[in-house]
Amino acid sequence: MARTDESGLTARQAPSTATTPPSDPPVAGAAGPGARMPRWLPRAMVLALALIAAFQFGSWAFHQVTSLLINILIAFFLALAIEPAVSRMASRGMRRGFATFLVFLGLAIATAGFVTLLGSMLAGQIIKMIEGFPEYLDSVINWVNATFHSHLRRVDIQEGLLHSDWLRKYAQNSAAGVLDVSAQVLGGLFRLLTVTLFSFYFAADGPRLRRALCSVLPPARQAEVLRAWEIAVDKTGGYLYSRGLMALVSGVAHYVLLQALGVPYAPVLGVWVGLVSQFIPTIGTYLAGALPMLIAFTVNPWYAVWVLIFVVVYQQFENYMLQPKLTSKTVDIHPAVAFGSVIAGTALLGAVGALIAIPAVATLQAFLGAYVKRYDVTDDPRVHGHPSRPSTPGLFTRVRRLWAQPAAAGTGAAADAGAGTAADASAPGADA
């Protein structure tokens, strides 16, 4: 029977235990079987989720109030435009709020009168067009029959139009779109009311708003803010002055044309063309020219063609001659910069951006001009567009020089010969 003492068992197991490599000490930060989550990780995850939620909420809120911010921007520039008149009335002892009310009342009366007169004119012309539509249709049918040797009749055309599927679908779509049009009209009225209220507050409480803004800034910054505000008022007023002057010129020019053609309501149409073409960006020119063409068509179809030609020609004259000169004098901005700012404003804010782009860029340019250091320009020919070294003469110049060289050589030889003969004659032995 074998021995089973503990010393022998330990001696036999010792070599096998000695061959096992020692385990490495645990590395700091390594996740072992019983390791716990770092204390900073939950807080970091909560902070990241909170930042994402705040960004999403801010983006949603910004998109919700974008229309309100645009209305406030329009109201601010409108307040800047009427502030010179309000300040002039307030300097004479009138309360600023009452002066602002009088300015807005005058604008409202002028707008209401113009819209009423324009609406009555349109209503009368639409009734006249409806009454004269059979005659216009007969003249068109007669021209088509005489030109293309067809046999069209007005009765057949009217019955075809009345029983056509296109007219039925158009009537159904128009009836269904009445609610949409009503909603858009109500939305436009609410937006107009919002802009009017904000612009009234900005103009009436302009000094208080400036004091509130300057109260949170150091004195040096206060001077900069007040200077920027003054520049904005000046540039906005200059922009509206230039637009008003161009509207006057455009209205008078179109009035003269319409009066010469005998188109009715020529004064109202002239005012319409002047205001719409200048104060409605992008599509204002087309809207302004469409109404006079329509009214001229009721008098004579060829008159509408003449009006179209005049509108196109005058638009080119205004874009390339009148507008650059007026803009450079009143707003002090380069025509190319003005054109680019209108395009950028349209891309950012649509029609509103196109309307306020020029005064905003002019204000920014004038404000930054005080902080841009300028130096004296060197007297270099390249500054004036001249080359720095003499240019190579052209082919015509070189041929002319070559042509002139033989004549000059012949003239020089004759002069030398004449001088020699005179010398010989004056010699002492010439008489002998």
Protein backbone atom coordinates (compact mmCIF):
# COMPACT_ATOMS: atom_id res chain seq x y z
CA MET A 1 0.00 0.00 0.00
CA ALA A 2 1.53 3.37 -1.01
CA ARG A 3 2.35 6.17 1.34
CA THR A 4 0.09 9.11 1.38
CA ASP A 5 1.89 11.63 3.56
CA GLU A 6 1.38 15.29 2.87
CA SER A 7 5.09 16.09 2.44
CA GLY A 8 5.43 13.75 -0.47
CA LEU A 9 2.32 15.12 -2.17
CA THR A 10 3.63 18.62 -1.82
CA ALA A 11 6.98 17.64 -3.20
CA ARG A 12 5.41 16.02 -6.25
CA GLN A 13 3.11 18.98 -7.00
CA ALA A 14 5.77 21.64 -6.61
CA PRO A 15 7.34 21.28 -10.10
CA SER A 16 3.98 21.56 -11.87
CA THR A 17 3.14 24.69 -9.93
CA ALA A 18 6.46 26.24 -10.67
CA THR A 19 5.94 25.92 -14.44
CA THR A 20 2.80 28.17 -14.42
CA PRO A 21 3.71 31.77 -15.47
CA PRO A 22 2.88 34.45 -12.95
CA SER A 23 -0.18 36.54 -13.76
CA ASP A 24 0.41 40.22 -14.78
CA PRO A 25 -0.85 42.96 -12.53
CA PRO A 26 -4.15 44.57 -13.70
CA VAL A 27 -3.70 47.56 -15.99
CA ALA A 28 -5.22 50.80 -14.81
CA GLY A 29 -8.52 51.47 -16.60
CA ALA A 30 -8.90 47.93 -17.98
CA ALA A 31 -12.37 46.46 -17.64
CA GLY A 32 -12.04 43.33 -15.67
CA PRO A 33 -14.76 40.88 -14.69
CA GLY A 34 -15.70 43.01 -11.74
CA ALA A 35 -14.82 46.50 -13.18
CA ARG A 36 -17.34 49.35 -12.85
CA MET A 37 -18.36 52.13 -15.34
CA PRO A 38 -16.33 55.34 -15.01
CA ARG A 39 -18.10 58.03 -13.08
CA TRP A 40 -17.72 60.66 -15.85
CA LEU A 41 -19.32 58.53 -18.60
CA PRO A 42 -23.01 58.89 -17.54
CA ARG A 43 -22.63 62.64 -17.11
CA ALA A 44 -20.95 62.93 -20.51
CA MET A 45 -23.76 60.96 -22.16
CA VAL A 46 -26.41 63.09 -20.47
CA LEU A 47 -24.60 66.29 -21.52
CA ALA A 48 -24.32 65.10 -25.14
CA LEU A 49 -28.01 64.19 -25.27
CA ALA A 50 -28.93 67.54 -23.72
CA LEU A 51 -26.86 69.43 -26.33
CA ILE A 52 -28.48 67.48 -29.17
CA ALA A 53 -31.94 68.14 -27.76
CA ALA A 54 -31.16 71.84 -27.32
CA PHE A 55 -29.90 72.09 -30.91
CA GLN A 56 -33.01 70.38 -32.27
CA PHE A 57 -35.28 72.58 -30.21
CA GLY A 58 -33.42 75.73 -31.27
CA SER A 59 -33.60 74.75 -34.94
CA TRP A 60 -37.34 74.04 -34.66
CA ALA A 61 -37.98 77.31 -32.80
CA PHE A 62 -35.96 79.31 -35.34
CA HIS A 63 -37.95 77.88 -38.24
CA GLN A 64 -41.17 78.67 -36.40
CA VAL A 65 -40.29 82.33 -35.83
CA THR A 66 -38.54 82.96 -39.16
CA SER A 67 -41.55 84.83 -40.55
CA LEU A 68 -41.73 86.96 -37.40
CA LEU A 69 -38.03 87.82 -37.63
CA ILE A 70 -38.46 88.84 -41.27
CA ASN A 71 -41.41 91.05 -40.33
CA ILE A 72 -39.33 92.69 -37.59
CA LEU A 73 -36.51 93.29 -40.08
CA ILE A 74 -38.91 94.94 -42.52
CA ALA A 75 -40.37 97.04 -39.72
CA PHE A 76 -36.90 98.15 -38.62
CA PHE A 77 -35.96 99.41 -42.08
CA LEU A 78 -39.35 101.09 -42.46
CA ALA A 79 -38.79 102.85 -39.14
CA LEU A 80 -35.34 103.95 -40.32
CA ALA A 81 -36.94 105.36 -43.47
CA ILE A 82 -39.50 107.51 -41.66
CA GLU A 83 -37.27 108.49 -38.72
CA PRO A 84 -35.96 111.72 -40.37
CA ALA A 85 -39.51 113.02 -40.79
CA VAL A 86 -40.48 111.99 -37.26
CA SER A 87 -37.33 113.53 -35.75
CA ARG A 88 -37.88 116.79 -37.65
CA MET A 89 -41.45 117.03 -36.33
CA ALA A 90 -40.36 116.08 -32.81
CA SER A 91 -37.63 118.77 -32.82
CA ARG A 92 -40.35 121.39 -33.27
CA GLY A 93 -42.04 120.48 -30.00
CA MET A 94 -44.40 117.72 -31.15
CA ARG A 95 -44.58 114.49 -29.18
CA ARG A 96 -42.70 111.72 -30.93
CA GLY A 97 -45.56 109.24 -30.74
CA PHE A 98 -48.02 111.72 -32.24
CA ALA A 99 -45.53 112.65 -34.98
CA THR A 100 -45.14 108.96 -35.87
CA PHE A 101 -48.93 108.59 -35.95
CA LEU A 102 -49.24 111.53 -38.37
CA VAL A 103 -46.62 110.07 -40.70
CA PHE A 104 -48.34 106.69 -40.75
CA LEU A 105 -51.73 108.34 -41.23
CA GLY A 106 -50.44 110.21 -44.27
CA LEU A 107 -49.01 107.02 -45.75
CA ALA A 108 -52.28 105.16 -45.10
CA ILE A 109 -54.40 107.88 -46.73
CA ALA A 110 -52.16 108.01 -49.80
CA THR A 111 -52.16 104.22 -50.14
CA ALA A 112 -55.92 103.92 -49.66
CA GLY A 113 -56.61 106.64 -52.20
CA PHE A 114 -54.34 105.09 -54.78
CA VAL A 115 -55.80 101.60 -54.27
CA THR A 116 -59.36 102.92 -54.48
CA LEU A 117 -58.69 104.86 -57.66
CA LEU A 118 -56.85 101.91 -59.18
CA GLY A 119 -59.64 99.50 -58.22
CA SER A 120 -62.32 101.68 -59.79
CA MET A 121 -60.24 101.99 -62.95
CA LEU A 122 -59.72 98.23 -63.16
CA ALA A 123 -63.40 97.53 -62.55
CA GLY A 124 -64.43 99.92 -65.33
CA GLN A 125 -61.91 98.47 -67.77
CA ILE A 126 -62.88 94.88 -66.97
CA ILE A 127 -66.55 95.69 -67.62
CA LYS A 128 -65.58 97.37 -70.87
CA MET A 129 -63.52 94.36 -71.93
CA ILE A 130 -66.35 91.95 -71.17
CA GLU A 131 -68.82 94.06 -73.14
CA GLY A 132 -66.45 94.37 -76.10
CA PHE A 133 -65.25 90.77 -76.03
CA PRO A 134 -67.61 89.62 -78.85
CA GLU A 135 -66.26 92.34 -81.12
CA TYR A 136 -62.65 91.38 -80.33
CA LEU A 137 -63.47 87.74 -80.95
CA ASP A 138 -65.14 88.55 -84.29
CA SER A 139 -62.12 90.55 -85.43
CA VAL A 140 -59.77 87.71 -84.51
CA ILE A 141 -61.97 85.14 -86.27
CA ASN A 142 -62.17 87.25 -89.41
CA TRP A 143 -58.40 87.65 -89.46
CA VAL A 144 -57.88 83.90 -89.04
CA ASN A 145 -60.42 83.07 -91.80
CA ALA A 146 -58.87 85.58 -94.19
CA THR A 147 -55.30 84.47 -93.47
CA PHE A 148 -55.67 80.69 -93.32
CA HIS A 149 -58.80 80.35 -95.52
CA SER A 150 -60.77 78.68 -92.72
CA HIS A 151 -64.50 78.80 -91.92
CA LEU A 152 -64.66 79.48 -88.19
CA ARG A 153 -67.74 80.91 -86.53
CA ARG A 154 -68.09 82.67 -83.21
CA VAL A 155 -71.08 80.54 -82.17
CA ASP A 156 -69.13 77.31 -82.63
CA ILE A 157 -66.20 78.64 -80.63
CA GLN A 158 -68.40 79.85 -77.77
CA GLU A 159 -70.26 76.53 -77.56
CA GLY A 160 -66.97 74.64 -77.62
CA LEU A 161 -65.63 76.75 -74.77
CA LEU A 162 -68.77 76.46 -72.66
CA HIS A 163 -68.96 72.67 -73.00
CA SER A 164 -65.24 71.97 -72.75
CA ASP A 165 -63.75 69.84 -69.98
CA TRP A 166 -60.99 72.41 -69.47
CA LEU A 167 -63.48 75.11 -68.46
CA ARG A 168 -65.32 72.74 -66.13
CA LYS A 169 -62.10 71.65 -64.39
CA TYR A 170 -60.94 75.24 -64.14
CA ALA A 171 -64.22 76.25 -62.47
CA GLN A 172 -63.96 73.37 -60.00
CA ASN A 173 -60.36 74.20 -59.12
CA SER A 174 -61.22 77.87 -58.72
CA ALA A 175 -64.11 77.03 -56.38
CA ALA A 176 -61.85 74.75 -54.34
CA GLY A 177 -59.13 77.38 -54.15
CA VAL A 178 -61.37 80.11 -52.72
CA LEU A 179 -60.55 79.05 -49.16
CA ASP A 180 -56.82 79.06 -49.91
CA VAL A 181 -57.03 82.56 -51.37
CA SER A 182 -59.02 83.76 -48.35
CA ALA A 183 -56.42 82.29 -45.99
CA GLN A 184 -53.60 83.98 -47.91
CA VAL A 185 -55.43 87.32 -47.81
CA LEU A 186 -55.98 87.05 -44.07
CA GLY A 187 -52.34 86.05 -43.57
CA GLY A 188 -51.20 89.03 -45.62
CA LEU A 189 -53.36 91.41 -43.57
CA PHE A 190 -52.00 89.98 -40.31
CA ARG A 191 -48.45 90.34 -41.59
CA LEU A 192 -49.12 93.94 -42.64
CA LEU A 193 -50.52 94.70 -39.19
CA THR A 194 -47.46 93.13 -37.53
CA VAL A 195 -45.03 95.16 -39.65
CA THR A 196 -47.00 98.36 -39.01
CA LEU A 197 -47.04 97.88 -35.23
CA PHE A 198 -43.35 97.06 -34.97
CA SER A 199 -42.32 99.92 -37.24
CA PHE A 200 -44.50 102.30 -35.21
CA TYR A 201 -42.83 101.21 -31.97
CA PHE A 202 -39.34 101.43 -33.51
CA ALA A 203 -39.96 104.95 -34.83
CA ALA A 204 -41.82 106.29 -31.79
CA ASP A 205 -39.45 104.77 -29.21
CA GLY A 206 -36.25 105.18 -31.22
CA PRO A 207 -34.40 107.24 -28.57
CA ARG A 208 -35.50 104.89 -25.80
CA LEU A 209 -34.40 101.87 -27.83
CA ARG A 210 -30.98 103.44 -28.43
CA ARG A 211 -30.59 104.24 -24.73
CA ALA A 212 -31.53 100.69 -23.77
CA LEU A 213 -29.04 99.29 -26.24
CA CYS A 214 -26.24 101.62 -25.18
CA SER A 215 -26.83 100.99 -21.46
CA VAL A 216 -25.32 97.50 -21.72
CA LEU A 217 -22.22 98.64 -23.62
CA PRO A 218 -19.07 100.52 -22.61
CA PRO A 219 -18.75 104.17 -23.75
CA ALA A 220 -16.48 103.35 -26.69
CA ARG A 221 -18.95 100.79 -28.03
CA GLN A 222 -21.85 103.17 -27.46
CA ALA A 223 -20.31 105.69 -29.88
CA GLU A 224 -19.92 102.97 -32.51
CA VAL A 225 -23.54 101.82 -32.13
CA LEU A 226 -24.88 105.36 -32.41
CA ARG A 227 -22.72 106.00 -35.46
CA ALA A 228 -23.96 102.79 -37.11
CA TRP A 229 -27.55 103.80 -36.36
CA GLU A 230 -27.01 107.22 -37.93
CA ILE A 231 -25.42 105.68 -41.02
CA ALA A 232 -28.32 103.25 -41.37
CA VAL A 233 -30.86 106.10 -41.24
CA ASP A 234 -28.89 108.09 -43.81
CA LYS A 235 -28.43 105.21 -46.25
CA THR A 236 -32.00 103.97 -45.95
CA GLY A 237 -33.34 107.47 -46.53
CA GLY A 238 -31.03 107.91 -49.52
CA TYR A 239 -32.15 104.60 -50.99
CA LEU A 240 -35.83 105.50 -50.68
CA TYR A 241 -35.10 108.95 -52.10
CA SER A 242 -33.42 107.43 -55.16
CA ARG A 243 -36.27 104.96 -55.60
CA GLY A 244 -38.83 107.71 -55.31
CA LEU A 245 -36.99 109.83 -57.87
CA MET A 246 -36.79 106.91 -60.32
CA ALA A 247 -40.49 106.21 -59.73
CA LEU A 248 -41.26 109.84 -60.60
CA VAL A 249 -39.23 109.72 -63.82
CA SER A 250 -40.73 106.37 -64.82
CA GLY A 251 -44.28 107.51 -64.08
CA VAL A 252 -43.91 110.73 -66.09
CA ALA A 253 -42.36 108.91 -69.06
CA HIS A 254 -45.11 106.28 -69.23
CA TYR A 255 -47.79 108.93 -68.68
CA VAL A 256 -46.55 110.87 -71.71
CA LEU A 257 -46.65 107.72 -73.86
CA LEU A 258 -50.14 106.65 -72.71
CA GLN A 259 -51.49 110.17 -73.11
CA ALA A 260 -50.07 110.38 -76.64
CA LEU A 261 -51.72 107.06 -77.54
CA GLY A 262 -55.04 108.16 -76.09
CA VAL A 263 -55.18 105.39 -73.46
CA PRO A 264 -57.69 106.19 -70.69
CA TYR A 265 -56.61 106.69 -67.07
CA ALA A 266 -53.12 107.69 -68.16
CA PRO A 267 -52.23 109.53 -64.88
CA VAL A 268 -53.23 106.57 -62.70
CA LEU A 269 -51.38 104.13 -64.94
CA GLY A 270 -48.28 106.34 -64.82
CA VAL A 271 -48.33 106.32 -61.01
CA TRP A 272 -48.90 102.55 -61.05
CA VAL A 273 -45.91 101.93 -63.31
CA GLY A 274 -43.64 104.19 -61.28
CA LEU A 275 -44.46 102.74 -57.87
CA VAL A 276 -44.73 99.06 -58.76
CA SER A 277 -41.61 98.96 -60.94
CA GLN A 278 -39.45 100.57 -58.24
CA PHE A 279 -40.78 99.23 -54.94
CA ILE A 280 -41.62 95.64 -55.89
CA PRO A 281 -38.35 93.84 -56.64
CA THR A 282 -37.71 91.16 -59.25
CA ILE A 283 -41.21 91.02 -60.79
CA GLY A 284 -42.21 94.64 -60.32
CA THR A 285 -41.29 95.62 -63.87
CA TYR A 286 -43.47 92.90 -65.39
CA LEU A 287 -46.42 93.69 -63.15
CA ALA A 288 -46.07 97.39 -63.87
CA GLY A 289 -46.02 96.91 -67.64
CA ALA A 290 -48.80 94.31 -67.82
CA LEU A 291 -51.62 96.61 -66.69
CA PRO A 292 -50.97 99.45 -69.19
CA MET A 293 -50.67 96.88 -71.96
CA LEU A 294 -54.03 95.40 -70.98
CA ILE A 295 -55.74 98.79 -70.90
CA ALA A 296 -54.12 99.80 -74.21
CA PHE A 297 -55.34 96.56 -75.78
CA THR A 298 -58.94 97.63 -75.09
CA VAL A 299 -58.34 100.74 -77.20
CA ASN A 300 -56.28 99.23 -80.00
CA PRO A 301 -54.31 95.95 -80.05
CA TRP A 302 -51.37 97.69 -81.72
CA TYR A 303 -51.19 100.15 -78.84
CA ALA A 304 -50.38 97.25 -76.53
CA VAL A 305 -47.42 96.38 -78.76
CA TRP A 306 -46.15 99.96 -78.62
CA VAL A 307 -46.46 99.99 -74.84
CA LEU A 308 -44.51 96.72 -74.62
CA ILE A 309 -41.70 98.12 -76.78
CA PHE A 310 -41.55 101.30 -74.72
CA VAL A 311 -41.45 99.38 -71.42
CA VAL A 312 -38.54 97.22 -72.63
CA VAL A 313 -36.56 100.19 -73.98
CA TYR A 314 -37.14 102.31 -70.90
CA GLN A 315 -36.13 99.45 -68.63
CA GLN A 316 -32.77 99.20 -70.37
CA PHE A 317 -32.29 102.98 -70.08
CA GLU A 318 -33.10 102.82 -66.37
CA ASN A 319 -30.86 99.83 -65.64
CA TYR A 320 -27.77 101.08 -67.45
CA MET A 321 -27.97 104.88 -67.21
CA LEU A 322 -30.43 106.25 -64.68
CA GLN A 323 -30.18 103.81 -61.77
CA PRO A 324 -26.34 103.64 -61.52
CA LYS A 325 -26.02 107.43 -61.39
CA LEU A 326 -28.76 107.93 -58.80
CA THR A 327 -27.62 105.01 -56.67
CA SER A 328 -24.01 106.16 -56.65
CA LYS A 329 -25.01 109.67 -55.53
CA THR A 330 -27.66 108.85 -52.91
CA VAL A 331 -26.52 105.49 -51.52
CA ASP A 332 -22.81 105.75 -52.48
CA ILE A 333 -22.50 102.16 -53.63
CA HIS A 334 -21.04 100.78 -56.84
CA PRO A 335 -23.64 99.55 -59.39
CA ALA A 336 -22.02 96.11 -59.55
CA VAL A 337 -22.13 95.82 -55.75
CA ALA A 338 -25.76 96.92 -55.75
CA PHE A 339 -26.65 94.32 -58.37
CA GLY A 340 -24.82 91.58 -56.50
CA SER A 341 -26.43 92.55 -53.19
CA VAL A 342 -29.89 92.35 -54.75
CA ILE A 343 -29.16 88.85 -56.06
CA ALA A 344 -27.78 87.73 -52.69
CA GLY A 345 -30.73 89.24 -50.82
CA THR A 346 -33.18 87.51 -53.13
CA ALA A 347 -31.44 84.17 -52.57
CA LEU A 348 -31.53 84.61 -48.78
CA LEU A 349 -34.89 86.26 -48.05
CA GLY A 350 -36.72 86.38 -51.37
CA ALA A 351 -38.50 89.61 -52.30
CA VAL A 352 -37.88 91.12 -48.87
CA GLY A 353 -34.14 90.53 -49.20
CA ALA A 354 -34.10 92.13 -52.63
CA LEU A 355 -35.86 95.21 -51.23
CA ILE A 356 -33.59 95.80 -48.23
CA ALA A 357 -30.34 94.47 -49.69
CA ILE A 358 -29.03 97.77 -51.08
CA PRO A 359 -29.53 99.92 -47.93
CA ALA A 360 -28.16 97.10 -45.73
CA VAL A 361 -25.01 96.71 -47.85
CA ALA A 362 -24.57 100.48 -48.10
CA THR A 363 -24.82 100.79 -44.31
CA LEU A 364 -22.32 97.98 -43.76
CA GLN A 365 -19.92 99.44 -46.31
CA ALA A 366 -20.05 102.92 -44.79
CA PHE A 367 -19.63 101.56 -41.25
CA LEU A 368 -16.66 99.35 -42.11
CA GLY A 369 -15.05 102.15 -44.09
CA ALA A 370 -14.16 103.89 -40.85
CA TYR A 371 -12.14 100.88 -39.65
CA VAL A 372 -10.28 100.06 -42.86
CA LYS A 373 -6.89 101.71 -42.99
CA ARG A 374 -6.16 103.37 -46.33
CA TYR A 375 -2.83 104.42 -47.86
CA ASP A 376 -1.75 106.87 -50.55
CA VAL A 377 -1.67 105.23 -53.97
CA THR A 378 1.71 105.33 -55.73
CA ASP A 379 2.01 107.26 -58.95
CA ASP A 380 2.25 104.19 -61.13
CA PRO A 381 0.95 104.12 -64.72
CA ARG A 382 -0.62 100.72 -64.06
CA VAL A 383 -3.00 102.31 -61.57
CA HIS A 384 -4.57 104.30 -64.39
CA GLY A 385 -4.72 101.31 -66.71
CA HIS A 386 -1.57 102.15 -68.69
CA PRO A 387 1.23 99.63 -69.27
CA SER A 388 4.39 100.02 -67.22
CA ARG A 389 6.71 99.92 -70.24
CA PRO A 390 6.33 101.40 -73.71
CA SER A 391 4.13 99.28 -75.86
CA THR A 392 5.37 97.77 -79.12
CA PRO A 393 4.27 99.88 -82.10
CA GLY A 394 1.70 98.35 -84.34
CA LEU A 395 2.10 97.26 -87.94
CA PHE A 396 0.63 100.47 -89.34
CA THR A 397 2.99 102.61 -87.22
CA ARG A 398 6.05 100.64 -88.30
CA VAL A 399 5.11 100.87 -92.01
CA ARG A 400 4.62 104.61 -91.70
CA ARG A 401 8.03 105.01 -90.08
CA LEU A 402 9.70 102.93 -92.79
CA TRP A 403 7.94 105.00 -95.43
CA ALA A 404 9.12 108.20 -93.82
CA GLN A 405 12.79 107.12 -93.55
CA PRO A 406 13.64 107.26 -97.36
CA ALA A 407 12.04 110.69 -97.68
CA ALA A 408 13.98 111.93 -94.70
CA ALA A 409 17.18 110.44 -96.13
CA GLY A 410 16.57 112.13 -99.51
CA THR A 411 15.87 115.44 -97.85
CA GLY A 412 19.06 115.13 -95.82
CA ALA A 413 21.18 114.34 -98.95
CA ALA A 414 19.77 117.35 -100.80
CA ALA A 415 20.53 119.54 -97.86
CA ASP A 416 24.10 118.25 -97.72
CA ALA A 417 24.56 118.85 -101.48
CA GLY A 418 23.23 122.38 -101.20
CA ALA A 419 25.54 123.09 -98.31
CA GLY A 420 28.52 121.81 -100.35
CA THR A 421 27.69 124.00 -103.35
CA ALA A 422 27.37 127.06 -101.11
CA ALA A 423 30.74 126.25 -99.57
CA ASP A 424 32.39 125.90 -102.96
CA ALA A 425 30.95 129.20 -104.15
CA SER A 426 32.28 131.02 -101.14
CA ALA A 427 35.82 129.63 -101.57
CA PRO A 428 38.62 132.23 -102.33
CA GLY A 429 39.44 130.83 -105.77
CA ALA A 430 35.90 130.61 -106.97
CA ASP A 431 36.01 133.85 -109.08
CA ALA A 432 39.10 132.71 -110.94
